[in-house]
Amino acid sequence: KGWITSKEIGFGKVMQPLRLSLVGKL
């Protein structure tokens, strides 16, 4: 979360693709 904040991007831009990577679906 610290890294996302430092990038000044929305959490969804990282967390949703991350979930897709780990689970295969949202």
PDB file of all heavy atoms in Angstrom:
ATOM      1  N   LYS A   1       0.833  -1.210   0.000  1.00  0.00           N
ATOM      2  CA  LYS A   1       0.000   0.000   0.000  1.00  0.00           C
ATOM      3  C   LYS A   1       0.868   1.262   0.000  1.00  0.00           C
ATOM      4  O   LYS A   1       0.514   2.266  -0.630  1.00  0.00           O
ATOM      5  CB  LYS A   1      -0.942  -0.022   1.204  1.00  0.00           C
ATOM      6  CG  LYS A   1      -2.107  -0.995   1.033  1.00  0.00           C
ATOM      7  CD  LYS A   1      -3.122  -0.875   2.149  1.00  0.00           C
ATOM      8  CE  LYS A   1      -4.347  -1.770   1.856  1.00  0.00           C
ATOM      9  NZ  LYS A   1      -5.354  -1.683   2.933  1.00  0.00           N
ATOM     10  N   GLY A   2       2.018   1.197   0.696  1.00  0.00           N
ATOM     11  CA  GLY A   2       2.946   2.336   0.702  1.00  0.00           C
ATOM     12  C   GLY A   2       3.490   2.605  -0.690  1.00  0.00           C
ATOM     13  O   GLY A   2       3.611   3.768  -1.124  1.00  0.00           O
ATOM     14  N   TRP A   3       3.828   1.514  -1.408  1.00  0.00           N
ATOM     15  CA  TRP A   3       4.337   1.645  -2.778  1.00  0.00           C
ATOM     16  C   TRP A   3       3.285   2.254  -3.714  1.00  0.00           C
ATOM     17  O   TRP A   3       3.581   3.143  -4.510  1.00  0.00           O
ATOM     18  CB  TRP A   3       4.797   0.271  -3.277  1.00  0.00           C
ATOM     19  CG  TRP A   3       5.116   0.257  -4.743  1.00  0.00           C
ATOM     20  CD1 TRP A   3       6.191   0.823  -5.359  1.00  0.00           C
ATOM     21  CD2 TRP A   3       4.316  -0.338  -5.776  1.00  0.00           C
ATOM     22  NE1 TRP A   3       6.126   0.624  -6.724  1.00  0.00           N
ATOM     23  CE2 TRP A   3       4.982  -0.093  -7.010  1.00  0.00           C
ATOM     24  CE3 TRP A   3       3.112  -1.050  -5.786  1.00  0.00           C
ATOM     25  CZ2 TRP A   3       4.474  -0.549  -8.233  1.00  0.00           C
ATOM     26  CZ3 TRP A   3       2.612  -1.502  -6.989  1.00  0.00           C
ATOM     27  CH2 TRP A   3       3.281  -1.244  -8.206  1.00  0.00           C
ATOM     28  N   ILE A   4       2.029   1.784  -3.579  1.00  0.00           N
ATOM     29  CA  ILE A   4       0.942   2.308  -4.425  1.00  0.00           C
ATOM     30  C   ILE A   4       0.748   3.799  -4.170  1.00  0.00           C
ATOM     31  O   ILE A   4       0.608   4.598  -5.102  1.00  0.00           O
ATOM     32  CB  ILE A   4      -0.376   1.542  -4.174  1.00  0.00           C
ATOM     33  CG1 ILE A   4      -0.246   0.080  -4.612  1.00  0.00           C
ATOM     34  CG2 ILE A   4      -1.544   2.188  -4.923  1.00  0.00           C
ATOM     35  CD1 ILE A   4      -1.409  -0.808  -4.201  1.00  0.00           C
ATOM     36  N   THR A   5       0.783   4.155  -2.894  1.00  0.00           N
ATOM     37  CA  THR A   5       0.606   5.570  -2.524  1.00  0.00           C
ATOM     38  C   THR A   5       1.728   6.425  -3.113  1.00  0.00           C
ATOM     39  O   THR A   5       1.494   7.526  -3.637  1.00  0.00           O
ATOM     40  CB  THR A   5       0.573   5.726  -0.981  1.00  0.00           C
ATOM     41  OG1 THR A   5      -0.467   4.900  -0.455  1.00  0.00           O
ATOM     42  CG2 THR A   5       0.315   7.172  -0.585  1.00  0.00           C
ATOM     43  N   SER A   6       2.941   5.892  -3.035  1.00  0.00           N
ATOM     44  CA  SER A   6       4.102   6.646  -3.564  1.00  0.00           C
ATOM     45  C   SER A   6       4.019   6.833  -5.077  1.00  0.00           C
ATOM     46  O   SER A   6       4.559   7.796  -5.626  1.00  0.00           O
ATOM     47  CB  SER A   6       5.407   5.939  -3.193  1.00  0.00           C
ATOM     48  OG  SER A   6       5.545   4.746  -3.941  1.00  0.00           O
ATOM     49  N   LYS A   7       3.336   5.903  -5.749  1.00  0.00           N
ATOM     50  CA  LYS A   7       3.193   5.991  -7.205  1.00  0.00           C
ATOM     51  C   LYS A   7       2.092   6.977  -7.604  1.00  0.00           C
ATOM     52  O   LYS A   7       1.944   7.313  -8.777  1.00  0.00           O
ATOM     53  CB  LYS A   7       2.837   4.605  -7.792  1.00  0.00           C
ATOM     54  CG  LYS A   7       3.891   3.539  -7.628  1.00  0.00           C
ATOM     55  CD  LYS A   7       5.056   3.691  -8.586  1.00  0.00           C
ATOM     56  CE  LYS A   7       4.662   3.401 -10.015  1.00  0.00           C
ATOM     57  NZ  LYS A   7       5.821   3.527 -10.939  1.00  0.00           N
ATOM     58  N   GLU A   8       1.277   7.365  -6.577  1.00  0.00           N
ATOM     59  CA  GLU A   8       0.147   8.289  -6.796  1.00  0.00           C
ATOM     60  C   GLU A   8      -0.813   7.760  -7.863  1.00  0.00           C
ATOM     61  O   GLU A   8      -1.223   8.466  -8.786  1.00  0.00           O
ATOM     62  CB  GLU A   8       0.658   9.681  -7.171  1.00  0.00           C
ATOM     63  CG  GLU A   8       1.456  10.357  -6.064  1.00  0.00           C
ATOM     64  CD  GLU A   8       1.885  11.780  -6.407  1.00  0.00           C
ATOM     65  OE1 GLU A   8       1.816  12.159  -7.601  1.00  0.00           O
ATOM     66  OE2 GLU A   8       2.286  12.503  -5.482  1.00  0.00           O
ATOM     67  N   ILE A   9      -1.137   6.469  -7.719  1.00  0.00           N
ATOM     68  CA  ILE A   9      -2.134   5.851  -8.602  1.00  0.00           C
ATOM     69  C   ILE A   9      -3.252   5.248  -7.750  1.00  0.00           C
ATOM     70  O   ILE A   9      -3.080   5.028  -6.546  1.00  0.00           O
ATOM     71  CB  ILE A   9      -1.509   4.743  -9.494  1.00  0.00           C
ATOM     72  CG1 ILE A   9      -0.794   3.701  -8.619  1.00  0.00           C
ATOM     73  CG2 ILE A   9      -0.580   5.331 -10.532  1.00  0.00           C
ATOM     74  CD1 ILE A   9      -0.283   2.499  -9.394  1.00  0.00           C
ATOM     75  N   GLY A  10      -4.371   4.999  -8.378  1.00  0.00           N
ATOM     76  CA  GLY A  10      -5.497   4.405  -7.653  1.00  0.00           C
ATOM     77  C   GLY A  10      -5.195   2.977  -7.232  1.00  0.00           C
ATOM     78  O   GLY A  10      -4.529   2.235  -7.970  1.00  0.00           O
ATOM     79  N   PHE A  11      -5.661   2.606  -6.066  1.00  0.00           N
ATOM     80  CA  PHE A  11      -5.422   1.246  -5.555  1.00  0.00           C
ATOM     81  C   PHE A  11      -5.968   0.182  -6.506  1.00  0.00           C
ATOM     82  O   PHE A  11      -5.375  -0.884  -6.672  1.00  0.00           O
ATOM     83  CB  PHE A  11      -6.056   1.098  -4.162  1.00  0.00           C
ATOM     84  CG  PHE A  11      -5.164   1.572  -3.046  1.00  0.00           C
ATOM     85  CD1 PHE A  11      -4.995   2.933  -2.805  1.00  0.00           C
ATOM     86  CD2 PHE A  11      -4.478   0.674  -2.248  1.00  0.00           C
ATOM     87  CE1 PHE A  11      -4.164   3.391  -1.790  1.00  0.00           C
ATOM     88  CE2 PHE A  11      -3.642   1.111  -1.229  1.00  0.00           C
ATOM     89  CZ  PHE A  11      -3.485   2.473  -0.995  1.00  0.00           C
ATOM     90  N   GLY A  12      -7.112   0.474  -7.119  1.00  0.00           N
ATOM     91  CA  GLY A  12      -7.748  -0.504  -8.011  1.00  0.00           C
ATOM     92  C   GLY A  12      -6.868  -0.900  -9.181  1.00  0.00           C
ATOM     93  O   GLY A  12      -6.950  -2.023  -9.689  1.00  0.00           O
ATOM     94  N   LYS A  13      -6.000   0.028  -9.627  1.00  0.00           N
ATOM     95  CA  LYS A  13      -5.133  -0.257 -10.780  1.00  0.00           C
ATOM     96  C   LYS A  13      -4.117  -1.357 -10.472  1.00  0.00           C
ATOM     97  O   LYS A  13      -3.571  -1.985 -11.373  1.00  0.00           O
ATOM     98  CB  LYS A  13      -4.406   1.023 -11.209  1.00  0.00           C
ATOM     99  CG  LYS A  13      -5.283   2.001 -11.964  1.00  0.00           C
ATOM    100  CD  LYS A  13      -4.451   3.124 -12.557  1.00  0.00           C
ATOM    101  CE  LYS A  13      -5.354   4.039 -13.410  1.00  0.00           C
ATOM    102  NZ  LYS A  13      -4.576   5.153 -14.001  1.00  0.00           N
ATOM    103  N   VAL A  14      -3.836  -1.556  -9.198  1.00  0.00           N
ATOM    104  CA  VAL A  14      -2.884  -2.592  -8.785  1.00  0.00           C
ATOM    105  C   VAL A  14      -3.609  -3.786  -8.161  1.00  0.00           C
ATOM    106  O   VAL A  14      -3.343  -4.954  -8.513  1.00  0.00           O
ATOM    107  CB  VAL A  14      -1.849  -2.025  -7.783  1.00  0.00           C
ATOM    108  CG1 VAL A  14      -0.959  -3.147  -7.243  1.00  0.00           C
ATOM    109  CG2 VAL A  14      -1.018  -0.940  -8.430  1.00  0.00           C
ATOM    110  N   MET A  15      -4.524  -3.487  -7.239  1.00  0.00           N
ATOM    111  CA  MET A  15      -5.136  -4.570  -6.451  1.00  0.00           C
ATOM    112  C   MET A  15      -6.011  -5.509  -7.301  1.00  0.00           C
ATOM    113  O   MET A  15      -6.010  -6.722  -7.084  1.00  0.00           O
ATOM    114  CB  MET A  15      -5.968  -3.987  -5.301  1.00  0.00           C
ATOM    115  CG  MET A  15      -5.174  -3.118  -4.332  1.00  0.00           C
ATOM    116  SD  MET A  15      -3.777  -3.992  -3.584  1.00  0.00           S
ATOM    117  CE  MET A  15      -4.614  -4.916  -2.306  1.00  0.00           C
ATOM    118  N   GLN A  16      -6.725  -4.961  -8.293  1.00  0.00           N
ATOM    119  CA  GLN A  16      -7.584  -5.821  -9.112  1.00  0.00           C
ATOM    120  C   GLN A  16      -6.756  -6.732 -10.027  1.00  0.00           C
ATOM    121  O   GLN A  16      -7.009  -7.939 -10.077  1.00  0.00           O
ATOM    122  CB  GLN A  16      -8.569  -4.966  -9.936  1.00  0.00           C
ATOM    123  CG  GLN A  16      -9.569  -4.164  -9.098  1.00  0.00           C
ATOM    124  CD  GLN A  16     -10.598  -5.030  -8.400  1.00  0.00           C
ATOM    125  OE1 GLN A  16     -10.240  -5.923  -7.616  1.00  0.00           O
ATOM    126  NE2 GLN A  16     -11.869  -4.781  -8.669  1.00  0.00           N
ATOM    127  N   PRO A  17      -5.741  -6.193 -10.733  1.00  0.00           N
ATOM    128  CA  PRO A  17      -4.887  -7.101 -11.520  1.00  0.00           C
ATOM    129  C   PRO A  17      -4.134  -8.100 -10.640  1.00  0.00           C
ATOM    130  O   PRO A  17      -3.892  -9.238 -11.051  1.00  0.00           O
ATOM    131  CB  PRO A  17      -3.907  -6.150 -12.222  1.00  0.00           C
ATOM    132  CG  PRO A  17      -4.621  -4.838 -12.270  1.00  0.00           C
ATOM    133  CD  PRO A  17      -5.424  -4.777 -11.003  1.00  0.00           C
ATOM    134  N   LEU A  18      -3.776  -7.673  -9.422  1.00  0.00           N
ATOM    135  CA  LEU A  18      -3.088  -8.586  -8.499  1.00  0.00           C
ATOM    136  C   LEU A  18      -4.011  -9.740  -8.117  1.00  0.00           C
ATOM    137  O   LEU A  18      -3.596 -10.912  -8.112  1.00  0.00           O
ATOM    138  CB  LEU A  18      -2.635  -7.821  -7.252  1.00  0.00           C
ATOM    139  CG  LEU A  18      -1.973  -8.646  -6.131  1.00  0.00           C
ATOM    140  CD1 LEU A  18      -0.756  -9.414  -6.665  1.00  0.00           C
ATOM    141  CD2 LEU A  18      -1.590  -7.752  -4.955  1.00  0.00           C
ATOM    142  N   ARG A  19      -5.259  -9.418  -7.820  1.00  0.00           N
ATOM    143  CA  ARG A  19      -6.233 -10.484  -7.483  1.00  0.00           C
ATOM    144  C   ARG A  19      -6.412 -11.427  -8.672  1.00  0.00           C
ATOM    145  O   ARG A  19      -6.463 -12.653  -8.517  1.00  0.00           O
ATOM    146  CB  ARG A  19      -7.570  -9.869  -7.066  1.00  0.00           C
ATOM    147  CG  ARG A  19      -8.594 -10.911  -6.639  1.00  0.00           C
ATOM    148  CD  ARG A  19      -9.877 -10.296  -6.113  1.00  0.00           C
ATOM    149  NE  ARG A  19      -9.694  -9.651  -4.820  1.00  0.00           N
ATOM    150  CZ  ARG A  19      -9.681 -10.298  -3.652  1.00  0.00           C
ATOM    151  NH1 ARG A  19      -9.815 -11.620  -3.617  1.00  0.00           N
ATOM    152  NH2 ARG A  19      -9.513  -9.633  -2.529  1.00  0.00           N
ATOM    153  N   LEU A  20      -6.521 -10.843  -9.856  1.00  0.00           N
ATOM    154  CA  LEU A  20      -6.679 -11.656 -11.065  1.00  0.00           C
ATOM    155  C   LEU A  20      -5.476 -12.591 -11.241  1.00  0.00           C
ATOM    156  O   LEU A  20      -5.634 -13.768 -11.607  1.00  0.00           O
ATOM    157  CB  LEU A  20      -6.820 -10.733 -12.281  1.00  0.00           C
ATOM    158  CG  LEU A  20      -7.288 -11.355 -13.594  1.00  0.00           C
ATOM    159  CD1 LEU A  20      -8.683 -11.955 -13.459  1.00  0.00           C
ATOM    160  CD2 LEU A  20      -7.283 -10.313 -14.710  1.00  0.00           C
ATOM    161  N   SER A  21      -4.288 -12.105 -10.923  1.00  0.00           N
ATOM    162  CA  SER A  21      -3.055 -12.907 -11.057  1.00  0.00           C
ATOM    163  C   SER A  21      -3.039 -14.078 -10.077  1.00  0.00           C
ATOM    164  O   SER A  21      -2.638 -15.193 -10.417  1.00  0.00           O
ATOM    165  CB  SER A  21      -1.826 -12.033 -10.791  1.00  0.00           C
ATOM    166  OG  SER A  21      -1.776 -10.939 -11.653  1.00  0.00           O
ATOM    167  N   LEU A  22      -3.472 -13.806  -8.850  1.00  0.00           N
ATOM    168  CA  LEU A  22      -3.382 -14.826  -7.793  1.00  0.00           C
ATOM    169  C   LEU A  22      -4.534 -15.825  -7.825  1.00  0.00           C
ATOM    170  O   LEU A  22      -4.352 -17.003  -7.504  1.00  0.00           O
ATOM    171  CB  LEU A  22      -3.338 -14.149  -6.419  1.00  0.00           C
ATOM    172  CG  LEU A  22      -2.194 -13.156  -6.159  1.00  0.00           C
ATOM    173  CD1 LEU A  22      -2.246 -12.645  -4.727  1.00  0.00           C
ATOM    174  CD2 LEU A  22      -0.840 -13.796  -6.445  1.00  0.00           C
ATOM    175  N   VAL A  23      -5.731 -15.349  -8.201  1.00  0.00           N
ATOM    176  CA  VAL A  23      -6.947 -16.179  -8.103  1.00  0.00           C
ATOM    177  C   VAL A  23      -7.439 -16.646  -9.472  1.00  0.00           C
ATOM    178  O   VAL A  23      -8.058 -17.703  -9.587  1.00  0.00           O
ATOM    179  CB  VAL A  23      -8.067 -15.392  -7.359  1.00  0.00           C
ATOM    180  CG1 VAL A  23      -9.348 -16.209  -7.272  1.00  0.00           C
ATOM    181  CG2 VAL A  23      -7.601 -14.977  -5.967  1.00  0.00           C
ATOM    182  N   GLY A  24      -7.201 -15.831 -10.508  1.00  0.00           N
ATOM    183  CA  GLY A  24      -7.713 -16.166 -11.834  1.00  0.00           C
ATOM    184  C   GLY A  24      -9.033 -15.489 -12.121  1.00  0.00           C
ATOM    185  O   GLY A  24      -9.563 -15.542 -13.223  1.00  0.00           O
ATOM    186  N   LYS A  25      -9.608 -14.856 -11.087  1.00  0.00           N
ATOM    187  CA  LYS A  25     -10.863 -14.111 -11.230  1.00  0.00           C
ATOM    188  C   LYS A  25     -10.937 -13.090 -10.106  1.00  0.00           C
ATOM    189  O   LYS A  25     -10.112 -13.104  -9.175  1.00  0.00           O
ATOM    190  CB  LYS A  25     -12.062 -15.062 -11.180  1.00  0.00           C
ATOM    191  CG  LYS A  25     -12.118 -15.960  -9.953  1.00  0.00           C
ATOM    192  CD  LYS A  25     -13.227 -16.997 -10.074  1.00  0.00           C
ATOM    193  CE  LYS A  25     -13.188 -17.960  -8.880  1.00  0.00           C
ATOM    194  NZ  LYS A  25     -14.208 -19.015  -8.991  1.00  0.00           N
ATOM    195  N   LEU A  26     -11.910 -12.200 -10.191  1.00  0.00           N
ATOM    196  CA  LEU A  26     -12.035 -11.145  -9.178  1.00  0.00           C
ATOM    197  C   LEU A  26     -12.925 -11.630  -8.033  1.00  0.00           C
ATOM    198  O   LEU A  26     -14.033 -11.151  -7.820  1.00  0.00           O
ATOM    199  CB  LEU A  26     -12.605  -9.869  -9.818  1.00  0.00           C
ATOM    200  CG  LEU A  26     -11.752  -9.282 -10.947  1.00  0.00           C
ATOM    201  CD1 LEU A  26     -12.406  -8.029 -11.510  1.00  0.00           C
ATOM    202  CD2 LEU A  26     -10.332  -8.973 -10.465  1.00  0.00           C
TER     203      LEU A  26
END
